[in-house]
Amino acid sequence: MLEKLQRKGFEVLALHHAEAIFQHDMRTAIDELEEVLLDINLPIEELVMGGGGEGQLTQRMRNQLASLGWEKHNFEIKKTVDGIEKESISHEIDHVKNFSAGTVALEIEWNNKDPFFDRDLENFKRLHADGVISIGVIITRGSSLQGSMVELIEQFAHHNGITSIDDLKEFDYRPTNRQTHLIEKAAKNKGSFAKGWAHTFVSDKFGQATTHWRKLEDRVHRGVGNPCPLLLIGIPKDIVTFS
């Protein structure tokens, strides 16, 4: 499943019969996901300018998914006993699409704090238990991208002749006083501004406590989200481009 993505370095993990459901009942969903993800690229400048949060890459993916009918939806589940409402719970999912054989819910976690994975997986679990969705999908930074962040940022610095914080203003990067102190200290310890800034920048913006493949994989292997069928997709480093 998703062989084209895997050939391009994407990590793909299907759990709890998700692969069988997609292959036999919702092949169109797989085709649409491949269409969106095979088309993505990430100019290195966006890593620097975006830093964290919802960057331009995420926005492009969201727009492409929305154009194919994967739209934001707020599920509201009410518990009624003898005509009296006892409980009402809502779950907002960023991308939901109904297919003839079922409903797929999808979240993109590009660079949030990693507890967002717990939220997503628990939401999927509840919605699946209530018969509302068939499969939950999460797209996040893959291990090759996460593991290459420092190297990519350092390469960006060399590529653009960046040797000081002033050189970064062109890319709308303005560190706080705290960050400036850490960068200067790291540059001294690492022997160059490029190395020091790269390590500090990545640690601060894309650190181990953010959403990336290993954090997601750890959770599902512990059973978080079980037994909801899940499809997890990790974005590879090869999407990053240099001008």
C-alpha atoms as a PDB file:
ATOM      1  CA  MET A   1       0.000   0.000   0.000  1.00  0.00           C
ATOM      2  CA  LEU A   2       1.208   3.499  -0.853  1.00  0.00           C
ATOM      3  CA  GLU A   3       4.093   1.947  -2.747  1.00  0.00           C
ATOM      4  CA  LYS A   4       4.761   5.151  -4.692  1.00  0.00           C
ATOM      5  CA  LEU A   5       5.195   7.064  -1.452  1.00  0.00           C
ATOM      6  CA  GLN A   6       7.440   4.397   0.034  1.00  0.00           C
ATOM      7  CA  ARG A   7       9.673   4.481  -3.043  1.00  0.00           C
ATOM      8  CA  LYS A   8      10.099   8.206  -2.430  1.00  0.00           C
ATOM      9  CA  GLY A   9      11.200   7.611   1.149  1.00  0.00           C
ATOM     10  CA  PHE A  10       7.925   8.128   3.003  1.00  0.00           C
ATOM     11  CA  GLU A  11       7.422   5.940   6.059  1.00  0.00           C
ATOM     12  CA  VAL A  12       4.101   4.122   6.083  1.00  0.00           C
ATOM     13  CA  LEU A  13       2.647   2.136   8.969  1.00  0.00           C
ATOM     14  CA  ALA A  14      -0.830   0.589   8.834  1.00  0.00           C
ATOM     15  CA  LEU A  15      -2.320  -0.878  12.010  1.00  0.00           C
ATOM     16  CA  HIS A  16      -5.435  -2.819  13.048  1.00  0.00           C
ATOM     17  CA  HIS A  17      -6.495  -3.929   9.553  1.00  0.00           C
ATOM     18  CA  ALA A  18      -6.240  -0.420   8.085  1.00  0.00           C
ATOM     19  CA  GLU A  19      -4.429  -1.741   5.017  1.00  0.00           C
ATOM     20  CA  ALA A  20      -7.140  -4.283   4.230  1.00  0.00           C
ATOM     21  CA  ILE A  21      -9.876  -1.686   4.682  1.00  0.00           C
ATOM     22  CA  PHE A  22      -8.158   0.775   2.371  1.00  0.00           C
ATOM     23  CA  GLN A  23      -7.210  -1.793  -0.260  1.00  0.00           C
ATOM     24  CA  HIS A  24     -10.590  -3.481  -0.482  1.00  0.00           C
ATOM     25  CA  ASP A  25     -13.077  -0.779   0.499  1.00  0.00           C
ATOM     26  CA  MET A  26     -11.541   2.681   0.055  1.00  0.00           C
ATOM     27  CA  ARG A  27      -8.928   2.537  -2.679  1.00  0.00           C
ATOM     28  CA  THR A  28      -9.934   6.048  -3.772  1.00  0.00           C
ATOM     29  CA  ALA A  29      -8.801   7.427  -0.412  1.00  0.00           C
ATOM     30  CA  ILE A  30      -5.333   5.939  -0.918  1.00  0.00           C
ATOM     31  CA  ASP A  31      -5.131   7.360  -4.436  1.00  0.00           C
ATOM     32  CA  GLU A  32      -6.026  10.830  -3.169  1.00  0.00           C
ATOM     33  CA  LEU A  33      -3.486  10.713  -0.335  1.00  0.00           C
ATOM     34  CA  GLU A  34      -0.781   9.704  -2.796  1.00  0.00           C
ATOM     35  CA  GLU A  35      -1.820  12.468  -5.163  1.00  0.00           C
ATOM     36  CA  VAL A  36      -1.387  15.085  -2.444  1.00  0.00           C
ATOM     37  CA  LEU A  37       1.810  13.765  -0.867  1.00  0.00           C
ATOM     38  CA  LEU A  38       3.692  12.933  -4.048  1.00  0.00           C
ATOM     39  CA  ASP A  39       3.325  16.567  -5.039  1.00  0.00           C
ATOM     40  CA  ILE A  40       4.781  18.195  -1.923  1.00  0.00           C
ATOM     41  CA  ASN A  41       8.123  19.923  -1.620  1.00  0.00           C
ATOM     42  CA  LEU A  42       9.676  22.068   1.072  1.00  0.00           C
ATOM     43  CA  PRO A  43      12.066  24.883   0.114  1.00  0.00           C
ATOM     44  CA  ILE A  44      14.725  25.033   2.828  1.00  0.00           C
ATOM     45  CA  GLU A  45      13.918  28.721   3.427  1.00  0.00           C
ATOM     46  CA  GLU A  46      10.500  27.705   4.763  1.00  0.00           C
ATOM     47  CA  LEU A  47      12.101  25.664   7.519  1.00  0.00           C
ATOM     48  CA  VAL A  48      13.919  28.768   8.688  1.00  0.00           C
ATOM     49  CA  MET A  49      11.168  31.324   8.173  1.00  0.00           C
ATOM     50  CA  GLY A  50       8.379  29.078   9.404  1.00  0.00           C
ATOM     51  CA  GLY A  51      10.312  27.714  12.358  1.00  0.00           C
ATOM     52  CA  GLY A  52       7.407  26.032  14.107  1.00  0.00           C
ATOM     53  CA  GLY A  53       3.642  25.823  14.024  1.00  0.00           C
ATOM     54  CA  GLU A  54       1.647  25.615  10.825  1.00  0.00           C
ATOM     55  CA  GLY A  55       4.033  26.560   8.024  1.00  0.00           C
ATOM     56  CA  GLN A  56       3.465  26.956   4.328  1.00  0.00           C
ATOM     57  CA  LEU A  57       3.960  23.246   3.629  1.00  0.00           C
ATOM     58  CA  THR A  58       1.122  22.330   5.977  1.00  0.00           C
ATOM     59  CA  GLN A  59      -1.094  24.983   4.431  1.00  0.00           C
ATOM     60  CA  ARG A  60      -0.401  23.653   0.948  1.00  0.00           C
ATOM     61  CA  MET A  61      -1.277  20.109   2.028  1.00  0.00           C
ATOM     62  CA  ARG A  62      -4.447  21.328   3.717  1.00  0.00           C
ATOM     63  CA  ASN A  63      -5.527  23.250   0.629  1.00  0.00           C
ATOM     64  CA  GLN A  64      -4.915  20.263  -1.646  1.00  0.00           C
ATOM     65  CA  LEU A  65      -6.813  17.929   0.674  1.00  0.00           C
ATOM     66  CA  ALA A  66      -9.694  20.400   0.935  1.00  0.00           C
ATOM     67  CA  SER A  67      -9.865  20.643  -2.851  1.00  0.00           C
ATOM     68  CA  LEU A  68     -10.434  16.875  -2.896  1.00  0.00           C
ATOM     69  CA  GLY A  69     -13.191  17.057  -0.298  1.00  0.00           C
ATOM     70  CA  TRP A  70     -11.165  16.378   2.869  1.00  0.00           C
ATOM     71  CA  GLU A  71     -12.687  19.127   5.001  1.00  0.00           C
ATOM     72  CA  LYS A  72     -12.682  20.142   8.660  1.00  0.00           C
ATOM     73  CA  HIS A  73     -15.504  18.605  10.643  1.00  0.00           C
ATOM     74  CA  ASN A  74     -16.714  18.834  14.215  1.00  0.00           C
ATOM     75  CA  PHE A  75     -18.224  15.572  15.461  1.00  0.00           C
ATOM     76  CA  GLU A  76     -20.683  16.029  18.302  1.00  0.00           C
ATOM     77  CA  ILE A  77     -21.645  12.904  20.216  1.00  0.00           C
ATOM     78  CA  LYS A  78     -24.466  13.078  22.729  1.00  0.00           C
ATOM     79  CA  LYS A  79     -25.436  10.498  25.343  1.00  0.00           C
ATOM     80  CA  THR A  80     -29.150  10.445  26.128  1.00  0.00           C
ATOM     81  CA  VAL A  81     -30.850   8.402  28.867  1.00  0.00           C
ATOM     82  CA  ASP A  82     -34.667   8.224  28.895  1.00  0.00           C
ATOM     83  CA  GLY A  83     -34.842  11.306  26.733  1.00  0.00           C
ATOM     84  CA  ILE A  84     -32.509  13.312  28.966  1.00  0.00           C
ATOM     85  CA  GLU A  85     -29.132  14.422  27.612  1.00  0.00           C
ATOM     86  CA  LYS A  86     -26.470  13.275  30.062  1.00  0.00           C
ATOM     87  CA  GLU A  87     -23.292  13.976  28.140  1.00  0.00           C
ATOM     88  CA  SER A  88     -22.138  15.848  25.044  1.00  0.00           C
ATOM     89  CA  ILE A  89     -18.627  15.535  23.603  1.00  0.00           C
ATOM     90  CA  SER A  90     -17.246  17.186  20.495  1.00  0.00           C
ATOM     91  CA  HIS A  91     -14.192  16.211  18.475  1.00  0.00           C
ATOM     92  CA  GLU A  92     -12.890  18.594  15.825  1.00  0.00           C
ATOM     93  CA  ILE A  93     -10.891  16.874  13.081  1.00  0.00           C
ATOM     94  CA  ASP A  94      -9.002  18.911  10.495  1.00  0.00           C
ATOM     95  CA  HIS A  95      -9.702  16.644   7.515  1.00  0.00           C
ATOM     96  CA  VAL A  96     -12.620  14.249   7.140  1.00  0.00           C
ATOM     97  CA  LYS A  97     -13.996  12.600   4.029  1.00  0.00           C
ATOM     98  CA  ASN A  98     -16.897  10.220   3.591  1.00  0.00           C
ATOM     99  CA  PHE A  99     -16.524   7.388   1.094  1.00  0.00           C
ATOM    100  CA  SER A 100     -19.143   4.844   0.106  1.00  0.00           C
ATOM    101  CA  ALA A 101     -17.614   2.225   2.413  1.00  0.00           C
ATOM    102  CA  GLY A 102     -16.809   4.471   5.374  1.00  0.00           C
ATOM    103  CA  THR A 103     -15.300   7.661   6.733  1.00  0.00           C
ATOM    104  CA  VAL A 104     -11.623   8.619   7.058  1.00  0.00           C
ATOM    105  CA  ALA A 105     -10.359  11.174   9.594  1.00  0.00           C
ATOM    106  CA  LEU A 106      -6.953  12.771   9.044  1.00  0.00           C
ATOM    107  CA  GLU A 107      -4.666  15.045  11.062  1.00  0.00           C
ATOM    108  CA  ILE A 108      -1.421  16.711   9.987  1.00  0.00           C
ATOM    109  CA  GLU A 109       1.047  17.136  12.854  1.00  0.00           C
ATOM    110  CA  TRP A 110       3.953  18.979  11.285  1.00  0.00           C
ATOM    111  CA  ASN A 111       5.373  20.696  14.356  1.00  0.00           C
ATOM    112  CA  ASN A 112       3.253  20.658  17.491  1.00  0.00           C
ATOM    113  CA  LYS A 113       4.135  19.510  20.979  1.00  0.00           C
ATOM    114  CA  ASP A 114       4.093  15.715  20.978  1.00  0.00           C
ATOM    115  CA  PRO A 115       1.060  15.343  23.351  1.00  0.00           C
ATOM    116  CA  PHE A 116      -1.015  16.345  20.310  1.00  0.00           C
ATOM    117  CA  PHE A 117      -0.460  12.766  19.139  1.00  0.00           C
ATOM    118  CA  ASP A 118      -2.251  11.518  22.267  1.00  0.00           C
ATOM    119  CA  ARG A 119      -5.155  13.843  21.534  1.00  0.00           C
ATOM    120  CA  ASP A 120      -5.424  12.710  17.911  1.00  0.00           C
ATOM    121  CA  LEU A 121      -5.156   9.003  18.674  1.00  0.00           C
ATOM    122  CA  GLU A 122      -7.659   9.150  21.533  1.00  0.00           C
ATOM    123  CA  ASN A 123     -10.086  11.114  19.354  1.00  0.00           C
ATOM    124  CA  PHE A 124      -9.768   8.497  16.619  1.00  0.00           C
ATOM    125  CA  LYS A 125     -10.295   5.718  19.167  1.00  0.00           C
ATOM    126  CA  ARG A 126     -13.512   7.289  20.522  1.00  0.00           C
ATOM    127  CA  LEU A 127     -14.900   8.136  17.106  1.00  0.00           C
ATOM    128  CA  HIS A 128     -14.206   4.631  15.841  1.00  0.00           C
ATOM    129  CA  ALA A 129     -15.797   3.052  18.926  1.00  0.00           C
ATOM    130  CA  ASP A 130     -18.906   5.144  18.300  1.00  0.00           C
ATOM    131  CA  GLY A 131     -19.037   3.955  14.695  1.00  0.00           C
ATOM    132  CA  VAL A 132     -18.368   7.418  13.286  1.00  0.00           C
ATOM    133  CA  ILE A 133     -15.080   6.816  11.458  1.00  0.00           C
ATOM    134  CA  SER A 134     -13.540   3.768   9.822  1.00  0.00           C
ATOM    135  CA  ILE A 135      -9.858   4.799   9.859  1.00  0.00           C
ATOM    136  CA  GLY A 136      -7.678   7.496  11.409  1.00  0.00           C
ATOM    137  CA  VAL A 137      -4.688   8.937   9.506  1.00  0.00           C
ATOM    138  CA  ILE A 138      -1.796  10.987  10.890  1.00  0.00           C
ATOM    139  CA  ILE A 139       0.861  12.678   8.740  1.00  0.00           C
ATOM    140  CA  THR A 140       4.014  13.916  10.473  1.00  0.00           C
ATOM    141  CA  ARG A 141       7.748  14.508   9.976  1.00  0.00           C
ATOM    142  CA  GLY A 142       9.461  11.241   9.121  1.00  0.00           C
ATOM    143  CA  SER A 143      12.555   9.926  10.892  1.00  0.00           C
ATOM    144  CA  SER A 144      14.856  10.751   7.960  1.00  0.00           C
ATOM    145  CA  LEU A 145      13.679  14.375   7.994  1.00  0.00           C
ATOM    146  CA  GLN A 146      13.879  14.693  11.773  1.00  0.00           C
ATOM    147  CA  GLY A 147      17.317  13.105  11.821  1.00  0.00           C
ATOM    148  CA  SER A 148      18.621  15.423   9.090  1.00  0.00           C
ATOM    149  CA  MET A 149      17.342  18.724  10.461  1.00  0.00           C
ATOM    150  CA  VAL A 150      20.668  19.934  11.859  1.00  0.00           C
ATOM    151  CA  GLU A 151      22.510  18.937   8.684  1.00  0.00           C
ATOM    152  CA  LEU A 152      19.914  20.680   6.488  1.00  0.00           C
ATOM    153  CA  ILE A 153      19.989  23.915   8.477  1.00  0.00           C
ATOM    154  CA  GLU A 154      23.784  23.939   8.531  1.00  0.00           C
ATOM    155  CA  GLN A 155      23.791  23.352   4.769  1.00  0.00           C
ATOM    156  CA  PHE A 156      21.389  26.274   4.385  1.00  0.00           C
ATOM    157  CA  ALA A 157      23.775  28.510   6.342  1.00  0.00           C
ATOM    158  CA  HIS A 158      26.762  27.542   4.169  1.00  0.00           C
ATOM    159  CA  HIS A 159      24.708  27.803   0.978  1.00  0.00           C
ATOM    160  CA  ASN A 160      23.725  31.388   1.823  1.00  0.00           C
ATOM    161  CA  GLY A 161      27.018  32.540   3.346  1.00  0.00           C
ATOM    162  CA  ILE A 162      25.478  33.039   6.789  1.00  0.00           C
ATOM    163  CA  THR A 163      28.120  33.756   9.420  1.00  0.00           C
ATOM    164  CA  SER A 164      26.208  35.866  11.934  1.00  0.00           C
ATOM    165  CA  ILE A 165      22.742  36.540  13.298  1.00  0.00           C
ATOM    166  CA  ASP A 166      22.566  39.730  11.232  1.00  0.00           C
ATOM    167  CA  ASP A 167      22.829  37.619   8.069  1.00  0.00           C
ATOM    168  CA  LEU A 168      19.602  35.848   9.041  1.00  0.00           C
ATOM    169  CA  LYS A 169      17.447  38.985   8.993  1.00  0.00           C
ATOM    170  CA  GLU A 170      17.032  38.532   5.248  1.00  0.00           C
ATOM    171  CA  PHE A 171      15.098  35.354   6.033  1.00  0.00           C
ATOM    172  CA  ASP A 172      12.916  36.989   8.686  1.00  0.00           C
ATOM    173  CA  TYR A 173      14.636  35.081  11.473  1.00  0.00           C
ATOM    174  CA  ARG A 174      14.975  37.259  14.576  1.00  0.00           C
ATOM    175  CA  PRO A 175      15.980  35.311  17.666  1.00  0.00           C
ATOM    176  CA  THR A 176      15.053  36.393  21.164  1.00  0.00           C
ATOM    177  CA  ASN A 177      17.730  37.441  23.640  1.00  0.00           C
ATOM    178  CA  ARG A 178      17.648  33.952  25.117  1.00  0.00           C
ATOM    179  CA  GLN A 179      18.057  32.338  21.703  1.00  0.00           C
ATOM    180  CA  THR A 180      20.839  34.751  20.770  1.00  0.00           C
ATOM    181  CA  HIS A 181      22.763  33.797  23.886  1.00  0.00           C
ATOM    182  CA  LEU A 182      22.334  30.085  23.145  1.00  0.00           C
ATOM    183  CA  ILE A 183      23.403  30.533  19.515  1.00  0.00           C
ATOM    184  CA  GLU A 184      26.539  32.442  20.471  1.00  0.00           C
ATOM    185  CA  LYS A 185      27.451  29.866  23.094  1.00  0.00           C
ATOM    186  CA  ALA A 186      26.854  26.959  20.686  1.00  0.00           C
ATOM    187  CA  ALA A 187      28.829  28.669  17.903  1.00  0.00           C
ATOM    188  CA  LYS A 188      31.801  28.941  20.220  1.00  0.00           C
ATOM    189  CA  ASN A 189      31.511  25.314  21.339  1.00  0.00           C
ATOM    190  CA  LYS A 190      30.939  23.940  17.813  1.00  0.00           C
ATOM    191  CA  GLY A 191      33.673  25.999  16.207  1.00  0.00           C
ATOM    192  CA  SER A 192      31.512  27.863  13.670  1.00  0.00           C
ATOM    193  CA  PHE A 193      28.397  29.997  13.520  1.00  0.00           C
ATOM    194  CA  ALA A 194      26.716  27.643  11.026  1.00  0.00           C
ATOM    195  CA  LYS A 195      27.098  24.600  13.292  1.00  0.00           C
ATOM    196  CA  GLY A 196      26.158  26.454  16.457  1.00  0.00           C
ATOM    197  CA  TRP A 197      23.091  28.095  14.941  1.00  0.00           C
ATOM    198  CA  ALA A 198      21.928  24.858  13.299  1.00  0.00           C
ATOM    199  CA  HIS A 199      22.069  22.884  16.547  1.00  0.00           C
ATOM    200  CA  THR A 200      20.397  25.646  18.561  1.00  0.00           C
ATOM    201  CA  PHE A 201      17.718  26.340  15.964  1.00  0.00           C
ATOM    202  CA  VAL A 202      16.725  22.693  15.561  1.00  0.00           C
ATOM    203  CA  SER A 203      16.762  22.012  19.296  1.00  0.00           C
ATOM    204  CA  ASP A 204      14.559  25.039  19.887  1.00  0.00           C
ATOM    205  CA  LYS A 205      12.103  24.603  17.007  1.00  0.00           C
ATOM    206  CA  PHE A 206      12.118  20.933  16.015  1.00  0.00           C
ATOM    207  CA  GLY A 207      13.293  19.230  19.199  1.00  0.00           C
ATOM    208  CA  GLN A 208      12.586  15.769  20.482  1.00  0.00           C
ATOM    209  CA  ALA A 209       9.471  16.930  22.352  1.00  0.00           C
ATOM    210  CA  THR A 210       7.725  17.932  19.104  1.00  0.00           C
ATOM    211  CA  THR A 211       5.615  15.835  16.741  1.00  0.00           C
ATOM    212  CA  HIS A 212       7.730  13.511  14.614  1.00  0.00           C
ATOM    213  CA  TRP A 213       7.765   9.867  13.555  1.00  0.00           C
ATOM    214  CA  ARG A 214       9.520   8.272  16.543  1.00  0.00           C
ATOM    215  CA  LYS A 215       7.180   9.941  19.027  1.00  0.00           C
ATOM    216  CA  LEU A 216       4.157   8.742  17.046  1.00  0.00           C
ATOM    217  CA  GLU A 217       5.520   5.243  16.581  1.00  0.00           C
ATOM    218  CA  ASP A 218       6.262   4.947  20.310  1.00  0.00           C
ATOM    219  CA  ARG A 219       2.673   5.758  21.140  1.00  0.00           C
ATOM    220  CA  VAL A 220       0.969   3.344  18.777  1.00  0.00           C
ATOM    221  CA  HIS A 221       3.323   0.537  19.831  1.00  0.00           C
ATOM    222  CA  ARG A 222       2.176   1.202  23.419  1.00  0.00           C
ATOM    223  CA  GLY A 223      -1.406   0.770  22.229  1.00  0.00           C
ATOM    224  CA  VAL A 224      -2.542   4.386  22.197  1.00  0.00           C
ATOM    225  CA  GLY A 225      -5.488   4.626  19.803  1.00  0.00           C
ATOM    226  CA  ASN A 226      -6.042   0.858  19.756  1.00  0.00           C
ATOM    227  CA  PRO A 227      -8.196  -0.711  18.306  1.00  0.00           C
ATOM    228  CA  CYS A 228      -8.987   2.022  15.759  1.00  0.00           C
ATOM    229  CA  PRO A 229      -7.529   1.173  12.336  1.00  0.00           C
ATOM    230  CA  LEU A 230      -4.668   3.622  11.768  1.00  0.00           C
ATOM    231  CA  LEU A 231      -2.524   4.784   8.879  1.00  0.00           C
ATOM    232  CA  LEU A 232       0.621   6.703   9.826  1.00  0.00           C
ATOM    233  CA  ILE A 233       2.721   8.535   7.226  1.00  0.00           C
ATOM    234  CA  GLY A 234       6.167  10.055   7.805  1.00  0.00           C
ATOM    235  CA  ILE A 235       7.410  12.803   5.469  1.00  0.00           C
ATOM    236  CA  PRO A 236      11.022  12.191   4.302  1.00  0.00           C
ATOM    237  CA  LYS A 237      13.977  14.572   4.085  1.00  0.00           C
ATOM    238  CA  ASP A 238      13.994  14.307   0.292  1.00  0.00           C
ATOM    239  CA  ILE A 239      11.112  16.769   0.022  1.00  0.00           C
ATOM    240  CA  VAL A 240      13.479  19.565   1.147  1.00  0.00           C
ATOM    241  CA  THR A 241      14.827  21.575  -1.797  1.00  0.00           C
ATOM    242  CA  PHE A 242      17.618  24.136  -2.181  1.00  0.00           C
ATOM    243  CA  SER A 243      17.355  26.955  -4.705  1.00  0.00           C
END
